[in-house]
C-alpha atoms as a PDB file:
ATOM      1  CA  MET A   1     -11.206  -9.316  13.849  1.00  0.00           C
ATOM      2  CA  PHE A   2     -10.138 -12.587  12.536  1.00  0.00           C
ATOM      3  CA  LEU A   3     -14.212 -14.118  12.799  1.00  0.00           C
ATOM      4  CA  PHE A   4     -14.646 -10.454  10.812  1.00  0.00           C
ATOM      5  CA  LEU A   5     -11.822 -10.840   8.196  1.00  0.00           C
ATOM      6  CA  PHE A   6     -13.239 -14.657   8.348  1.00  0.00           C
ATOM      7  CA  GLN A   7     -17.009 -13.707   7.511  1.00  0.00           C
ATOM      8  CA  VAL A   8     -15.864 -11.084   4.842  1.00  0.00           C
ATOM      9  CA  VAL A   9     -13.925 -13.406   3.014  1.00  0.00           C
ATOM     10  CA  ILE A  10     -16.723 -16.027   2.691  1.00  0.00           C
ATOM     11  CA  HIS A  11     -18.547 -13.167   1.021  1.00  0.00           C
ATOM     12  CA  PHE A  12     -16.507 -12.554  -1.913  1.00  0.00           C
ATOM     13  CA  ALA A  13     -17.489 -15.512  -3.633  1.00  0.00           C
ATOM     14  CA  LEU A  14     -21.300 -15.130  -2.905  1.00  0.00           C
ATOM     15  CA  PRO A  15     -23.910 -13.370  -4.934  1.00  0.00           C
ATOM     16  CA  PRO A  16     -25.223 -10.506  -5.033  1.00  0.00           C
ATOM     17  CA  PHE A  17     -21.693  -8.990  -6.853  1.00  0.00           C
ATOM     18  CA  ARG A  18     -21.701  -4.922  -7.111  1.00  0.00           C
ATOM     19  CA  PRO A  19     -19.069  -4.391  -9.572  1.00  0.00           C
ATOM     20  CA  ARG A  20     -20.439  -0.311  -9.301  1.00  0.00           C
ATOM     21  CA  ASN A  21     -19.479  -0.286  -5.876  1.00  0.00           C
ATOM     22  CA  LEU A  22     -15.979  -2.490  -6.181  1.00  0.00           C
ATOM     23  CA  LEU A  23     -15.072   0.393  -9.049  1.00  0.00           C
ATOM     24  CA  GLN A  24     -15.830   3.460  -7.006  1.00  0.00           C
ATOM     25  CA  GLN A  25     -13.144   2.078  -4.259  1.00  0.00           C
ATOM     26  CA  ILE A  26     -10.559   1.455  -6.770  1.00  0.00           C
ATOM     27  CA  HIS A  27     -10.998   4.670  -7.920  1.00  0.00           C
ATOM     28  CA  PHE A  28     -11.181   6.172  -4.094  1.00  0.00           C
ATOM     29  CA  ILE A  29      -8.508   3.878  -2.976  1.00  0.00           C
ATOM     30  CA  GLY A  30      -6.239   3.756  -5.668  1.00  0.00           C
ATOM     31  CA  ILE A  31      -6.986   6.538  -8.770  1.00  0.00           C
ATOM     32  CA  ARG A  32      -7.333   9.723  -6.322  1.00  0.00           C
ATOM     33  CA  SER A  33      -3.821   8.188  -4.542  1.00  0.00           C
ATOM     34  CA  LEU A  34      -1.514   8.079  -7.622  1.00  0.00           C
ATOM     35  CA  PHE A  35      -0.484  11.557  -7.082  1.00  0.00           C
ATOM     36  CA  VAL A  36       1.000  10.643  -3.572  1.00  0.00           C
ATOM     37  CA  ILE A  37       2.316   8.125  -4.730  1.00  0.00           C
ATOM     38  CA  ILE A  38       4.388   9.232  -7.475  1.00  0.00           C
ATOM     39  CA  LEU A  39       5.304  12.796  -5.379  1.00  0.00           C
ATOM     40  CA  THR A  40       6.926  10.122  -2.775  1.00  0.00           C
ATOM     41  CA  ALA A  41       8.554   7.335  -5.227  1.00  0.00           C
ATOM     42  CA  VAL A  42      10.304  10.763  -7.125  1.00  0.00           C
ATOM     43  CA  PHE A  43      11.492  11.944  -3.966  1.00  0.00           C
ATOM     44  CA  THR A  44      12.151   8.679  -2.463  1.00  0.00           C
ATOM     45  CA  GLY A  45      14.182   7.730  -5.607  1.00  0.00           C
ATOM     46  CA  MET A  46      16.367  10.525  -5.593  1.00  0.00           C
ATOM     47  CA  VAL A  47      17.710  10.872  -2.061  1.00  0.00           C
ATOM     48  CA  LEU A  48      18.090   6.820  -2.747  1.00  0.00           C
ATOM     49  CA  GLY A  49      20.200   8.377  -5.438  1.00  0.00           C
ATOM     50  CA  LEU A  50      22.008  10.736  -3.895  1.00  0.00           C
ATOM     51  CA  GLN A  51      23.016   8.715  -0.703  1.00  0.00           C
ATOM     52  CA  GLY A  52      23.515   5.716  -2.816  1.00  0.00           C
ATOM     53  CA  TYR A  53      25.990   6.989  -4.687  1.00  0.00           C
ATOM     54  CA  TYR A  54      28.090   8.924  -2.138  1.00  0.00           C
ATOM     55  CA  THR A  55      28.412   6.197  -0.477  1.00  0.00           C
ATOM     56  CA  LEU A  56      29.530   3.936  -3.282  1.00  0.00           C
ATOM     57  CA  SER A  57      31.736   6.224  -4.186  1.00  0.00           C
ATOM     58  CA  ARG A  58      33.698   5.685  -1.237  1.00  0.00           C
ATOM     59  CA  PHE A  59      34.633   2.015  -2.266  1.00  0.00           C
ATOM     60  CA  GLY A  60      34.870   2.909  -5.658  1.00  0.00           C
ATOM     61  CA  SER A  61      31.559   0.942  -6.859  1.00  0.00           C
ATOM     62  CA  GLU A  62      29.551   3.473  -8.628  1.00  0.00           C
ATOM     63  CA  GLY A  63      28.495   1.219 -11.292  1.00  0.00           C
ATOM     64  CA  LEU A  64      26.551  -0.617  -8.466  1.00  0.00           C
ATOM     65  CA  LEU A  65      23.855   2.634  -7.791  1.00  0.00           C
ATOM     66  CA  GLY A  66      21.419   1.308 -10.303  1.00  0.00           C
ATOM     67  CA  PRO A  67      20.936  -1.935  -8.909  1.00  0.00           C
ATOM     68  CA  ALA A  68      21.083  -0.852  -5.796  1.00  0.00           C
ATOM     69  CA  VAL A  69      18.366   2.046  -6.086  1.00  0.00           C
ATOM     70  CA  ALA A  70      16.205  -0.603  -7.906  1.00  0.00           C
ATOM     71  CA  LEU A  71      16.593  -3.287  -5.480  1.00  0.00           C
ATOM     72  CA  SER A  72      15.834  -0.798  -2.108  1.00  0.00           C
ATOM     73  CA  ILE A  73      12.910  -0.012  -3.712  1.00  0.00           C
ATOM     74  CA  ILE A  74      11.634  -3.252  -5.559  1.00  0.00           C
ATOM     75  CA  ARG A  75      11.822  -5.398  -2.400  1.00  0.00           C
ATOM     76  CA  GLU A  76      11.380  -2.773   1.008  1.00  0.00           C
ATOM     77  CA  LEU A  77      10.974   0.524   0.269  1.00  0.00           C
ATOM     78  CA  GLY A  78       7.963   0.661  -2.477  1.00  0.00           C
ATOM     79  CA  PRO A  79       5.740  -2.040  -0.592  1.00  0.00           C
ATOM     80  CA  VAL A  80       6.295  -0.347   2.421  1.00  0.00           C
ATOM     81  CA  LEU A  81       6.310   2.673   1.430  1.00  0.00           C
ATOM     82  CA  THR A  82       3.140   2.879  -0.904  1.00  0.00           C
ATOM     83  CA  GLY A  83       1.377   0.757   2.387  1.00  0.00           C
ATOM     84  CA  PHE A  84       1.666   3.957   4.532  1.00  0.00           C
ATOM     85  CA  VAL A  85       0.588   6.391   1.667  1.00  0.00           C
ATOM     86  CA  VAL A  86      -2.399   4.223   1.097  1.00  0.00           C
ATOM     87  CA  THR A  87      -2.852   3.906   5.219  1.00  0.00           C
ATOM     88  CA  GLY A  88      -2.944   8.123   5.289  1.00  0.00           C
ATOM     89  CA  ARG A  89      -4.673   8.438   2.724  1.00  0.00           C
ATOM     90  CA  ALA A  90      -7.320   6.309   2.314  1.00  0.00           C
ATOM     91  CA  GLY A  91      -7.117   3.870   5.206  1.00  0.00           C
ATOM     92  CA  SER A  92      -7.985   6.808   7.439  1.00  0.00           C
ATOM     93  CA  SER A  93     -11.457   7.843   5.099  1.00  0.00           C
ATOM     94  CA  LEU A  94     -12.151   4.047   5.410  1.00  0.00           C
ATOM     95  CA  THR A  95     -12.698   4.278   9.094  1.00  0.00           C
ATOM     96  CA  SER A  96     -14.179   7.716   9.639  1.00  0.00           C
ATOM     97  CA  GLU A  97     -16.565   6.459   6.927  1.00  0.00           C
ATOM     98  CA  MET A  98     -17.518   3.236   8.284  1.00  0.00           C
ATOM     99  CA  GLY A  99     -17.499   4.814  11.961  1.00  0.00           C
ATOM    100  CA  VAL A 100     -19.916   7.333  10.548  1.00  0.00           C
ATOM    101  CA  LEU A 101     -22.249   5.031   9.095  1.00  0.00           C
ATOM    102  CA  ARG A 102     -22.347   3.491  12.490  1.00  0.00           C
ATOM    103  CA  ILE A 103     -22.798   5.767  14.944  1.00  0.00           C
ATOM    104  CA  LYS A 104     -25.513   7.185  12.507  1.00  0.00           C
ATOM    105  CA  GLU A 105     -27.228   3.127  12.487  1.00  0.00           C
ATOM    106  CA  GLN A 106     -27.240   3.120   9.116  1.00  0.00           C
ATOM    107  CA  ILE A 107     -25.240  -0.141   9.159  1.00  0.00           C
ATOM    108  CA  ASP A 108     -28.014  -0.890  11.653  1.00  0.00           C
ATOM    109  CA  ALA A 109     -30.473   0.137   9.257  1.00  0.00           C
ATOM    110  CA  LEU A 110     -29.092  -1.735   6.169  1.00  0.00           C
ATOM    111  CA  GLU A 111     -29.313  -4.960   8.273  1.00  0.00           C
ATOM    112  CA  THR A 112     -33.588  -4.023   9.205  1.00  0.00           C
ATOM    113  CA  MET A 113     -33.538  -4.103   5.398  1.00  0.00           C
ATOM    114  CA  GLY A 114     -32.020  -7.330   4.801  1.00  0.00           C
ATOM    115  CA  ILE A 115     -28.557  -6.046   3.382  1.00  0.00           C
ATOM    116  CA  ASN A 116     -25.773  -7.925   4.688  1.00  0.00           C
ATOM    117  CA  PRO A 117     -23.455  -4.464   5.746  1.00  0.00           C
ATOM    118  CA  LEU A 118     -20.651  -6.577   5.380  1.00  0.00           C
ATOM    119  CA  LYS A 119     -21.638  -7.550   1.415  1.00  0.00           C
ATOM    120  CA  TYR A 120     -22.223  -4.188   0.926  1.00  0.00           C
ATOM    121  CA  LEU A 121     -20.127  -1.810   2.454  1.00  0.00           C
ATOM    122  CA  VAL A 122     -17.091  -4.000   3.454  1.00  0.00           C
ATOM    123  CA  VAL A 123     -16.192  -6.268   0.977  1.00  0.00           C
ATOM    124  CA  PRO A 124     -15.852  -3.990  -1.702  1.00  0.00           C
ATOM    125  CA  ARG A 125     -13.304  -1.876   0.196  1.00  0.00           C
ATOM    126  CA  MET A 126     -11.527  -4.919   1.070  1.00  0.00           C
ATOM    127  CA  GLU A 127     -11.471  -6.234  -2.510  1.00  0.00           C
ATOM    128  CA  ALA A 128     -10.549  -2.282  -4.104  1.00  0.00           C
ATOM    129  CA  GLY A 129      -7.441  -2.515  -1.420  1.00  0.00           C
ATOM    130  CA  ILE A 130      -5.944  -6.029  -2.589  1.00  0.00           C
ATOM    131  CA  LEU A 131      -6.432  -5.122  -6.681  1.00  0.00           C
ATOM    132  CA  THR A 132      -5.168  -1.279  -6.305  1.00  0.00           C
ATOM    133  CA  LEU A 133      -1.615  -1.948  -3.844  1.00  0.00           C
ATOM    134  CA  PRO A 134       0.222  -3.899  -6.176  1.00  0.00           C
ATOM    135  CA  LEU A 135      -0.576  -1.618  -8.593  1.00  0.00           C
ATOM    136  CA  LEU A 136       0.130   1.426  -6.833  1.00  0.00           C
ATOM    137  CA  ASN A 137       3.295  -0.289  -6.016  1.00  0.00           C
ATOM    138  CA  ALA A 138       4.582  -0.803  -9.212  1.00  0.00           C
ATOM    139  CA  ILE A 139       3.924   2.369 -10.010  1.00  0.00           C
ATOM    140  CA  PHE A 140       5.908   3.776  -7.391  1.00  0.00           C
ATOM    141  CA  ASP A 141       8.905   1.500  -8.521  1.00  0.00           C
ATOM    142  CA  VAL A 142       9.019   2.441 -11.677  1.00  0.00           C
ATOM    143  CA  VAL A 143       8.768   5.884 -10.618  1.00  0.00           C
ATOM    144  CA  GLY A 144      11.463   5.481  -7.745  1.00  0.00           C
ATOM    145  CA  ILE A 145      13.809   4.009 -10.205  1.00  0.00           C
ATOM    146  CA  PHE A 146      13.302   7.190 -12.603  1.00  0.00           C
ATOM    147  CA  GLY A 147      14.224   9.386  -9.442  1.00  0.00           C
ATOM    148  CA  GLY A 148      17.054   7.662  -9.088  1.00  0.00           C
ATOM    149  CA  TYR A 149      17.994   8.042 -12.432  1.00  0.00           C
ATOM    150  CA  LEU A 150      17.328  11.822 -12.587  1.00  0.00           C
ATOM    151  CA  VAL A 151      20.168  12.270  -9.354  1.00  0.00           C
ATOM    152  CA  ALA A 152      22.624   9.704 -10.628  1.00  0.00           C
ATOM    153  CA  VAL A 153      22.694  10.037 -14.618  1.00  0.00           C
ATOM    154  CA  GLN A 154      21.555  13.956 -14.824  1.00  0.00           C
ATOM    155  CA  LEU A 155      22.884  15.206 -11.569  1.00  0.00           C
ATOM    156  CA  LEU A 156      25.873  13.552 -10.469  1.00  0.00           C
ATOM    157  CA  GLY A 157      27.161  12.477 -13.980  1.00  0.00           C
ATOM    158  CA  LEU A 158      27.052   8.502 -13.918  1.00  0.00           C
ATOM    159  CA  SER A 159      26.486   6.573 -17.421  1.00  0.00           C
ATOM    160  CA  SER A 160      22.749   5.806 -18.218  1.00  0.00           C
ATOM    161  CA  GLY A 161      23.979   2.623 -19.908  1.00  0.00           C
ATOM    162  CA  THR A 162      25.485   1.791 -16.352  1.00  0.00           C
ATOM    163  CA  TYR A 163      23.032   2.601 -14.333  1.00  0.00           C
ATOM    164  CA  PHE A 164      20.270   0.649 -16.333  1.00  0.00           C
ATOM    165  CA  GLY A 165      22.658  -2.206 -16.803  1.00  0.00           C
ATOM    166  CA  GLY A 166      23.004  -2.961 -13.509  1.00  0.00           C
ATOM    167  CA  ILE A 167      19.738  -3.166 -12.966  1.00  0.00           C
ATOM    168  CA  GLU A 168      18.919  -5.734 -15.948  1.00  0.00           C
ATOM    169  CA  ALA A 169      21.582  -8.046 -14.903  1.00  0.00           C
ATOM    170  CA  ASN A 170      20.891  -7.893 -10.506  1.00  0.00           C
ATOM    171  CA  VAL A 171      17.353  -7.323 -10.634  1.00  0.00           C
ATOM    172  CA  SER A 172      15.032 -10.753 -11.004  1.00  0.00           C
ATOM    173  CA  MET A 173      11.594 -11.834 -11.099  1.00  0.00           C
ATOM    174  CA  HIS A 174      12.422 -13.163  -7.435  1.00  0.00           C
ATOM    175  CA  ASP A 175      12.973  -9.719  -6.122  1.00  0.00           C
ATOM    176  CA  ILE A 176       9.685  -8.335  -8.391  1.00  0.00           C
ATOM    177  CA  SER A 177       7.674 -10.936  -6.820  1.00  0.00           C
ATOM    178  CA  VAL A 178       8.549 -10.247  -3.681  1.00  0.00           C
ATOM    179  CA  GLY A 179       7.423  -6.729  -3.758  1.00  0.00           C
ATOM    180  CA  LEU A 180       4.459  -7.907  -5.316  1.00  0.00           C
ATOM    181  CA  ILE A 181       3.322 -10.328  -2.586  1.00  0.00           C
ATOM    182  CA  LYS A 182       4.581  -7.747   0.141  1.00  0.00           C
ATOM    183  CA  SER A 183       1.969  -5.188  -1.143  1.00  0.00           C
ATOM    184  CA  PHE A 184      -0.803  -7.557  -2.259  1.00  0.00           C
ATOM    185  CA  SER A 185      -0.706  -8.477   1.730  1.00  0.00           C
ATOM    186  CA  PHE A 186      -0.513  -4.641   2.779  1.00  0.00           C
ATOM    187  CA  GLY A 187      -3.661  -4.157   0.974  1.00  0.00           C
ATOM    188  CA  LEU A 188      -5.228  -6.995   2.970  1.00  0.00           C
ATOM    189  CA  LEU A 189      -4.225  -5.795   5.982  1.00  0.00           C
ATOM    190  CA  ILE A 190      -4.858  -2.341   6.060  1.00  0.00           C
ATOM    191  CA  SER A 191      -8.171  -2.600   3.828  1.00  0.00           C
ATOM    192  CA  TRP A 192      -9.128  -5.188   6.972  1.00  0.00           C
ATOM    193  CA  ILE A 193      -7.610  -3.285   9.615  1.00  0.00           C
ATOM    194  CA  CYS A 194      -9.512   0.245   8.686  1.00  0.00           C
ATOM    195  CA  THR A 195     -13.129  -1.242   8.050  1.00  0.00           C
ATOM    196  CA  TYR A 196     -13.380  -3.450  11.042  1.00  0.00           C
ATOM    197  CA  LYS A 197     -12.024  -0.597  13.122  1.00  0.00           C
ATOM    198  CA  GLY A 198     -14.698   1.755  11.717  1.00  0.00           C
ATOM    199  CA  TYR A 199     -17.463  -1.092  11.753  1.00  0.00           C
ATOM    200  CA  VAL A 200     -16.950  -1.579  15.423  1.00  0.00           C
ATOM    201  CA  THR A 201     -16.954   1.815  16.439  1.00  0.00           C
ATOM    202  CA  LYS A 202     -19.191   3.395  18.960  1.00  0.00           C
ATOM    203  CA  ARG A 203     -19.598   6.024  21.390  1.00  0.00           C
ATOM    204  CA  GLY A 204     -20.140   8.626  18.488  1.00  0.00           C
ATOM    205  CA  ALA A 205     -17.288  11.150  17.731  1.00  0.00           C
ATOM    206  CA  GLU A 206     -14.856  10.748  20.011  1.00  0.00           C
ATOM    207  CA  GLY A 207     -15.170   6.832  19.121  1.00  0.00           C
ATOM    208  CA  VAL A 208     -14.821   7.775  15.596  1.00  0.00           C
ATOM    209  CA  SER A 209     -11.935   9.254  15.914  1.00  0.00           C
ATOM    210  CA  LYS A 210     -10.028   7.000  18.253  1.00  0.00           C
ATOM    211  CA  ALA A 211     -10.924   4.825  15.748  1.00  0.00           C
ATOM    212  CA  VAL A 212      -9.258   6.488  13.173  1.00  0.00           C
ATOM    213  CA  THR A 213      -6.232   6.888  15.488  1.00  0.00           C
ATOM    214  CA  SER A 214      -6.336   3.413  16.146  1.00  0.00           C
ATOM    215  CA  ALA A 215      -6.516   1.928  12.624  1.00  0.00           C
ATOM    216  CA  VAL A 216      -3.650   4.142  11.350  1.00  0.00           C
ATOM    217  CA  VAL A 217      -1.233   3.638  13.918  1.00  0.00           C
ATOM    218  CA  LEU A 218      -2.020  -0.616  13.931  1.00  0.00           C
ATOM    219  CA  SER A 219      -2.019  -0.457  10.087  1.00  0.00           C
ATOM    220  CA  PHE A 220       1.779   1.402   9.961  1.00  0.00           C
ATOM    221  CA  VAL A 221       2.879  -1.490  12.903  1.00  0.00           C
ATOM    222  CA  MET A 222       1.482  -4.221  11.231  1.00  0.00           C
ATOM    223  CA  ILE A 223       2.609  -3.197   7.877  1.00  0.00           C
ATOM    224  CA  LEU A 224       6.211  -3.014   9.233  1.00  0.00           C
ATOM    225  CA  VAL A 225       6.382  -6.635  11.366  1.00  0.00           C
ATOM    226  CA  TRP A 226       4.539  -8.388   8.169  1.00  0.00           C
ATOM    227  CA  ASP A 227       7.460  -7.043   6.458  1.00  0.00           C
ATOM    228  CA  TYR A 228       9.946  -8.304   8.611  1.00  0.00           C
ATOM    229  CA  PHE A 229       8.322 -12.081   8.526  1.00  0.00           C
ATOM    230  CA  ILE A 230       7.648 -11.710   4.334  1.00  0.00           C
ATOM    231  CA  THR A 231      11.196 -10.736   3.919  1.00  0.00           C
ATOM    232  CA  SER A 232      13.010 -13.487   6.751  1.00  0.00           C
ATOM    233  CA  ILE A 233      10.810 -16.110   4.574  1.00  0.00           C
ATOM    234  CA  MET A 234      11.362 -15.200   0.943  1.00  0.00           C
ATOM    235  CA  LEU A 235      15.392 -14.312   1.381  1.00  0.00           C
END
């Protein structure tokens, strides 16, 4: 897997460049995941707002609900849940698509025609994953904080000034940069694992199904493991 990643990274800077392929993958991974990202973010923020309010109200600290929701989403839940959603919606499709190309010998046909399959198939998908995850994560953060606002202010009666003022006072650029670094690395992990598992698929339809399952499970586990290491380093 590391040799595969090394070869792909080398091809990032080598011609020919195919911006159309990259835009197609950005559309597939990014734009077509927007609805699920927004839906997940809204209800994540609403649940955090509801649970956080009743927890903080026991200590008379309802005014800290805004920063509690914002920091939870920006530093942890935003990058992790965005990675999970993209893995389930786009990562599994990347694996199955690459797997079908492999078992139908279309990857071998590309090599026969003198076209490097890593450059033509894998590079656009990995570049799109790296570019779109931070953008999707930023959308998740904003929508999630708004979901917390809906519950805290509109439902539970907390002052909107208290909610947003607490966020402004307690959320720093360091917190935002931690979330973006996580989402960037998760984009690399997801696209790397999913394309690799599809690229090395064997044994027909059964091999494709096993590759998809393996890619999704491994991506989920690696997101959680890598999230811990980044958090421990950047606290």
